[in-house]
């Protein structure tokens, strides 16, 4: 059974989504602030993390970055009231798999969750990858061709690793 983590400060929303996911046969955990959400995301095994950006204690972008740093293969669906293109691009470049703007349809969210669950999980990277002069660090998501580390976006990392 797939487990979903919902991180949002709106308790009614978390409870409602938890019930909707469980009705679909999925397990769901909830966190109401960024610190607890990050703790659960890094300490548990989740098929998907649904993450709000405006959170108390630790904002959603920080949670996203910390999660991607430790678990680059973790799919994260950002669920936020921030509608601007800049916020969406920032989150997708930081590693989010998807972005859904509030207010949203629960049916659409459930469809996006199901779509993410159909995608195969990326295997967890083990150690540095080396080809000739190039070294790829899958934990820090950097590449070094002999002149120092270069930070990679999620897409750059995945393409280079492939």
C-alpha atoms as a PDB file:
ATOM      1  CA  UNK A   1       0.000   0.000   0.000  1.00  0.00           C
ATOM      2  CA  UNK A   2       1.343   3.426  -0.927  1.00  0.00           C
ATOM      3  CA  UNK A   3       1.894   6.045   1.774  1.00  0.00           C
ATOM      4  CA  UNK A   4       1.372   9.735   1.120  1.00  0.00           C
ATOM      5  CA  UNK A   5       2.615  12.543   3.375  1.00  0.00           C
ATOM      6  CA  UNK A   6       0.585  15.767   3.441  1.00  0.00           C
ATOM      7  CA  UNK A   7       2.347  18.835   4.882  1.00  0.00           C
ATOM      8  CA  UNK A   8       0.021  21.826   5.252  1.00  0.00           C
ATOM      9  CA  UNK A   9      -0.817  24.186   8.119  1.00  0.00           C
ATOM     10  CA  UNK A  10      -4.544  24.012   7.337  1.00  0.00           C
ATOM     11  CA  UNK A  11      -5.649  21.151   9.597  1.00  0.00           C
ATOM     12  CA  UNK A  12      -9.059  20.791   7.951  1.00  0.00           C
ATOM     13  CA  UNK A  13      -7.404  20.435   4.548  1.00  0.00           C
ATOM     14  CA  UNK A  14      -4.941  17.818   5.805  1.00  0.00           C
ATOM     15  CA  UNK A  15      -7.738  15.866   7.486  1.00  0.00           C
ATOM     16  CA  UNK A  16      -9.966  16.089   4.411  1.00  0.00           C
ATOM     17  CA  UNK A  17      -7.202  14.958   2.035  1.00  0.00           C
ATOM     18  CA  UNK A  18      -6.206  12.169   4.407  1.00  0.00           C
ATOM     19  CA  UNK A  19      -9.774  10.845   4.361  1.00  0.00           C
ATOM     20  CA  UNK A  20      -9.984  11.155   0.550  1.00  0.00           C
ATOM     21  CA  UNK A  21      -6.692   9.282   0.073  1.00  0.00           C
ATOM     22  CA  UNK A  22      -7.679   6.552   2.530  1.00  0.00           C
ATOM     23  CA  UNK A  23     -10.988   6.158   0.661  1.00  0.00           C
ATOM     24  CA  UNK A  24      -8.823   5.381  -2.399  1.00  0.00           C
ATOM     25  CA  UNK A  25      -6.964   2.683  -0.483  1.00  0.00           C
ATOM     26  CA  UNK A  26      -3.866   4.737   0.261  1.00  0.00           C
ATOM     27  CA  UNK A  27      -2.205   5.379   3.603  1.00  0.00           C
ATOM     28  CA  UNK A  28      -1.779   9.037   4.532  1.00  0.00           C
ATOM     29  CA  UNK A  29       0.140  10.876   7.235  1.00  0.00           C
ATOM     30  CA  UNK A  30      -0.179  14.567   8.003  1.00  0.00           C
ATOM     31  CA  UNK A  31       2.034  17.312   9.387  1.00  0.00           C
ATOM     32  CA  UNK A  32       0.931  20.847  10.194  1.00  0.00           C
ATOM     33  CA  UNK A  33       4.290  22.675  10.151  1.00  0.00           C
ATOM     34  CA  UNK A  34       7.526  22.544   8.183  1.00  0.00           C
ATOM     35  CA  UNK A  35       9.720  21.111  10.932  1.00  0.00           C
ATOM     36  CA  UNK A  36       7.458  18.127  11.601  1.00  0.00           C
ATOM     37  CA  UNK A  37       6.858  17.664   7.893  1.00  0.00           C
ATOM     38  CA  UNK A  38      10.586  17.521   7.148  1.00  0.00           C
ATOM     39  CA  UNK A  39      11.123  15.126  10.042  1.00  0.00           C
ATOM     40  CA  UNK A  40       8.478  12.772   8.637  1.00  0.00           C
ATOM     41  CA  UNK A  41       9.664  13.165   5.031  1.00  0.00           C
ATOM     42  CA  UNK A  42      13.234  12.233   5.955  1.00  0.00           C
ATOM     43  CA  UNK A  43      12.324   9.585   8.516  1.00  0.00           C
ATOM     44  CA  UNK A  44       9.624   7.700   6.641  1.00  0.00           C
ATOM     45  CA  UNK A  45       9.083   6.039   3.304  1.00  0.00           C
ATOM     46  CA  UNK A  46       6.548   7.866   1.176  1.00  0.00           C
ATOM     47  CA  UNK A  47       5.441   7.297  -2.382  1.00  0.00           C
ATOM     48  CA  UNK A  48       4.620  11.021  -2.562  1.00  0.00           C
ATOM     49  CA  UNK A  49       4.870  14.140  -0.414  1.00  0.00           C
ATOM     50  CA  UNK A  50       2.156  16.799  -0.870  1.00  0.00           C
ATOM     51  CA  UNK A  51       3.688  20.057   0.348  1.00  0.00           C
ATOM     52  CA  UNK A  52       2.304  23.546   0.990  1.00  0.00           C
ATOM     53  CA  UNK A  53       4.791  26.423   0.713  1.00  0.00           C
ATOM     54  CA  UNK A  54       3.471  28.694   3.456  1.00  0.00           C
ATOM     55  CA  UNK A  55       4.188  26.782   6.636  1.00  0.00           C
ATOM     56  CA  UNK A  56       5.032  27.747  10.203  1.00  0.00           C
ATOM     57  CA  UNK A  57       8.471  26.954  11.693  1.00  0.00           C
ATOM     58  CA  UNK A  58      10.086  26.073   8.338  1.00  0.00           C
ATOM     59  CA  UNK A  59       8.709  27.218   4.993  1.00  0.00           C
ATOM     60  CA  UNK A  60       7.830  24.792   2.236  1.00  0.00           C
ATOM     61  CA  UNK A  61      10.696  25.763  -0.076  1.00  0.00           C
ATOM     62  CA  UNK A  62      13.171  24.960   2.712  1.00  0.00           C
ATOM     63  CA  UNK A  63      11.405  21.636   3.319  1.00  0.00           C
ATOM     64  CA  UNK A  64      11.544  20.896  -0.419  1.00  0.00           C
ATOM     65  CA  UNK A  65      15.261  21.725  -0.707  1.00  0.00           C
ATOM     66  CA  UNK A  66      16.199  19.712   2.383  1.00  0.00           C
ATOM     67  CA  UNK A  67      14.143  16.752   1.177  1.00  0.00           C
ATOM     68  CA  UNK A  68      15.707  16.864  -2.295  1.00  0.00           C
ATOM     69  CA  UNK A  69      19.196  17.127  -0.806  1.00  0.00           C
ATOM     70  CA  UNK A  70      18.722  13.995   1.295  1.00  0.00           C
ATOM     71  CA  UNK A  71      16.325  12.118  -0.963  1.00  0.00           C
ATOM     72  CA  UNK A  72      16.596  13.341  -4.564  1.00  0.00           C
ATOM     73  CA  UNK A  73      14.332  10.515  -5.741  1.00  0.00           C
ATOM     74  CA  UNK A  74      11.420  11.568  -3.470  1.00  0.00           C
ATOM     75  CA  UNK A  75       8.458  12.804  -5.549  1.00  0.00           C
ATOM     76  CA  UNK A  76       6.988  16.026  -4.140  1.00  0.00           C
ATOM     77  CA  UNK A  77       3.765  17.657  -5.300  1.00  0.00           C
ATOM     78  CA  UNK A  78       3.646  21.305  -4.241  1.00  0.00           C
ATOM     79  CA  UNK A  79       0.189  22.520  -3.269  1.00  0.00           C
ATOM     80  CA  UNK A  80       0.207  26.285  -2.809  1.00  0.00           C
ATOM     81  CA  UNK A  81      -1.800  29.491  -3.052  1.00  0.00           C
ATOM     82  CA  UNK A  82       1.203  31.123  -4.763  1.00  0.00           C
ATOM     83  CA  UNK A  83       0.076  31.355  -8.379  1.00  0.00           C
ATOM     84  CA  UNK A  84       2.976  33.168 -10.012  1.00  0.00           C
ATOM     85  CA  UNK A  85       5.151  31.546 -12.615  1.00  0.00           C
ATOM     86  CA  UNK A  86       8.270  32.415 -10.596  1.00  0.00           C
ATOM     87  CA  UNK A  87       7.096  30.362  -7.587  1.00  0.00           C
ATOM     88  CA  UNK A  88       6.239  27.414  -9.800  1.00  0.00           C
ATOM     89  CA  UNK A  89       9.570  27.544 -11.635  1.00  0.00           C
ATOM     90  CA  UNK A  90      11.511  27.898  -8.350  1.00  0.00           C
ATOM     91  CA  UNK A  91       9.824  24.802  -6.913  1.00  0.00           C
ATOM     92  CA  UNK A  92      10.148  22.696 -10.056  1.00  0.00           C
ATOM     93  CA  UNK A  93      13.834  23.629 -10.377  1.00  0.00           C
ATOM     94  CA  UNK A  94      14.345  22.776  -6.705  1.00  0.00           C
ATOM     95  CA  UNK A  95      13.076  19.261  -7.393  1.00  0.00           C
ATOM     96  CA  UNK A  96       9.282  19.255  -7.144  1.00  0.00           C
ATOM     97  CA  UNK A  97       7.628  16.725  -9.439  1.00  0.00           C
ATOM     98  CA  UNK A  98       4.421  18.757  -9.804  1.00  0.00           C
ATOM     99  CA  UNK A  99       2.742  21.992  -8.690  1.00  0.00           C
ATOM    100  CA  UNK A 100      -0.963  22.533  -8.067  1.00  0.00           C
ATOM    101  CA  UNK A 101      -2.390  25.962  -7.214  1.00  0.00           C
ATOM    102  CA  UNK A 102      -4.947  26.518  -4.434  1.00  0.00           C
ATOM    103  CA  UNK A 103      -7.885  26.549  -4.586  1.00  0.00           C
ATOM    104  CA  UNK A 104      -7.959  23.193  -6.310  1.00  0.00           C
ATOM    105  CA  UNK A 105     -10.328  20.379  -7.081  1.00  0.00           C
ATOM    106  CA  UNK A 106      -9.881  17.327  -4.846  1.00  0.00           C
ATOM    107  CA  UNK A 107     -10.624  15.180  -7.917  1.00  0.00           C
ATOM    108  CA  UNK A 108      -7.709  16.817  -9.756  1.00  0.00           C
ATOM    109  CA  UNK A 109      -5.374  16.370  -6.789  1.00  0.00           C
ATOM    110  CA  UNK A 110      -6.322  12.695  -6.499  1.00  0.00           C
ATOM    111  CA  UNK A 111      -5.748  12.240 -10.248  1.00  0.00           C
ATOM    112  CA  UNK A 112      -2.299  13.854  -9.952  1.00  0.00           C
ATOM    113  CA  UNK A 113      -1.469  11.628  -6.967  1.00  0.00           C
ATOM    114  CA  UNK A 114      -2.496   8.533  -8.944  1.00  0.00           C
ATOM    115  CA  UNK A 115      -0.413   9.711 -11.927  1.00  0.00           C
ATOM    116  CA  UNK A 116       2.653  10.135  -9.698  1.00  0.00           C
ATOM    117  CA  UNK A 117       2.114   6.694  -8.170  1.00  0.00           C
ATOM    118  CA  UNK A 118       2.152   5.119 -11.651  1.00  0.00           C
ATOM    119  CA  UNK A 119       5.635   6.516 -12.309  1.00  0.00           C
ATOM    120  CA  UNK A 120       8.509   4.225 -11.370  1.00  0.00           C
ATOM    121  CA  UNK A 121      10.590   5.398  -8.420  1.00  0.00           C
ATOM    122  CA  UNK A 122      14.128   6.518  -9.175  1.00  0.00           C
ATOM    123  CA  UNK A 123      16.569   4.186  -7.437  1.00  0.00           C
ATOM    124  CA  UNK A 124      18.478   5.796  -4.571  1.00  0.00           C
ATOM    125  CA  UNK A 125      21.900   6.800  -5.777  1.00  0.00           C
ATOM    126  CA  UNK A 126      24.835   5.059  -4.123  1.00  0.00           C
ATOM    127  CA  UNK A 127      28.176   6.854  -4.021  1.00  0.00           C
ATOM    128  CA  UNK A 128      29.830   9.009  -6.641  1.00  0.00           C
ATOM    129  CA  UNK A 129      29.535   8.179 -10.313  1.00  0.00           C
ATOM    130  CA  UNK A 130      32.649   8.629 -12.443  1.00  0.00           C
ATOM    131  CA  UNK A 131      33.164   8.654 -16.202  1.00  0.00           C
ATOM    132  CA  UNK A 132      36.574   9.865 -17.352  1.00  0.00           C
ATOM    133  CA  UNK A 133      37.203  13.278 -15.786  1.00  0.00           C
ATOM    134  CA  UNK A 134      33.578  13.758 -14.744  1.00  0.00           C
ATOM    135  CA  UNK A 135      32.413  12.993 -11.196  1.00  0.00           C
ATOM    136  CA  UNK A 136      28.732  13.143 -10.258  1.00  0.00           C
ATOM    137  CA  UNK A 137      27.749  13.420  -6.587  1.00  0.00           C
ATOM    138  CA  UNK A 138      24.161  12.119  -6.317  1.00  0.00           C
ATOM    139  CA  UNK A 139      23.689  13.207  -2.702  1.00  0.00           C
ATOM    140  CA  UNK A 140      24.719  16.839  -3.154  1.00  0.00           C
ATOM    141  CA  UNK A 141      23.582  16.826  -6.798  1.00  0.00           C
ATOM    142  CA  UNK A 142      26.805  18.336  -8.111  1.00  0.00           C
ATOM    143  CA  UNK A 143      29.120  17.577 -11.009  1.00  0.00           C
ATOM    144  CA  UNK A 144      32.883  18.121 -11.221  1.00  0.00           C
ATOM    145  CA  UNK A 145      34.868  17.892 -14.441  1.00  0.00           C
ATOM    146  CA  UNK A 146      38.139  18.934 -12.778  1.00  0.00           C
ATOM    147  CA  UNK A 147      37.489  22.622 -12.173  1.00  0.00           C
ATOM    148  CA  UNK A 148      35.298  22.398  -9.050  1.00  0.00           C
ATOM    149  CA  UNK A 149      31.765  21.396  -8.154  1.00  0.00           C
ATOM    150  CA  UNK A 150      28.860  22.736 -10.182  1.00  0.00           C
ATOM    151  CA  UNK A 151      25.373  22.626  -8.613  1.00  0.00           C
ATOM    152  CA  UNK A 152      22.809  20.934 -10.855  1.00  0.00           C
ATOM    153  CA  UNK A 153      19.071  21.388 -11.151  1.00  0.00           C
ATOM    154  CA  UNK A 154      17.037  18.220 -10.728  1.00  0.00           C
ATOM    155  CA  UNK A 155      16.587  17.842 -14.468  1.00  0.00           C
ATOM    156  CA  UNK A 156      20.320  18.417 -15.152  1.00  0.00           C
ATOM    157  CA  UNK A 157      21.212  15.866 -12.481  1.00  0.00           C
ATOM    158  CA  UNK A 158      18.805  13.235 -13.825  1.00  0.00           C
ATOM    159  CA  UNK A 159      19.966  13.742 -17.416  1.00  0.00           C
ATOM    160  CA  UNK A 160      23.633  13.609 -16.497  1.00  0.00           C
ATOM    161  CA  UNK A 161      23.153  10.555 -14.284  1.00  0.00           C
ATOM    162  CA  UNK A 162      21.361   8.777 -17.138  1.00  0.00           C
END
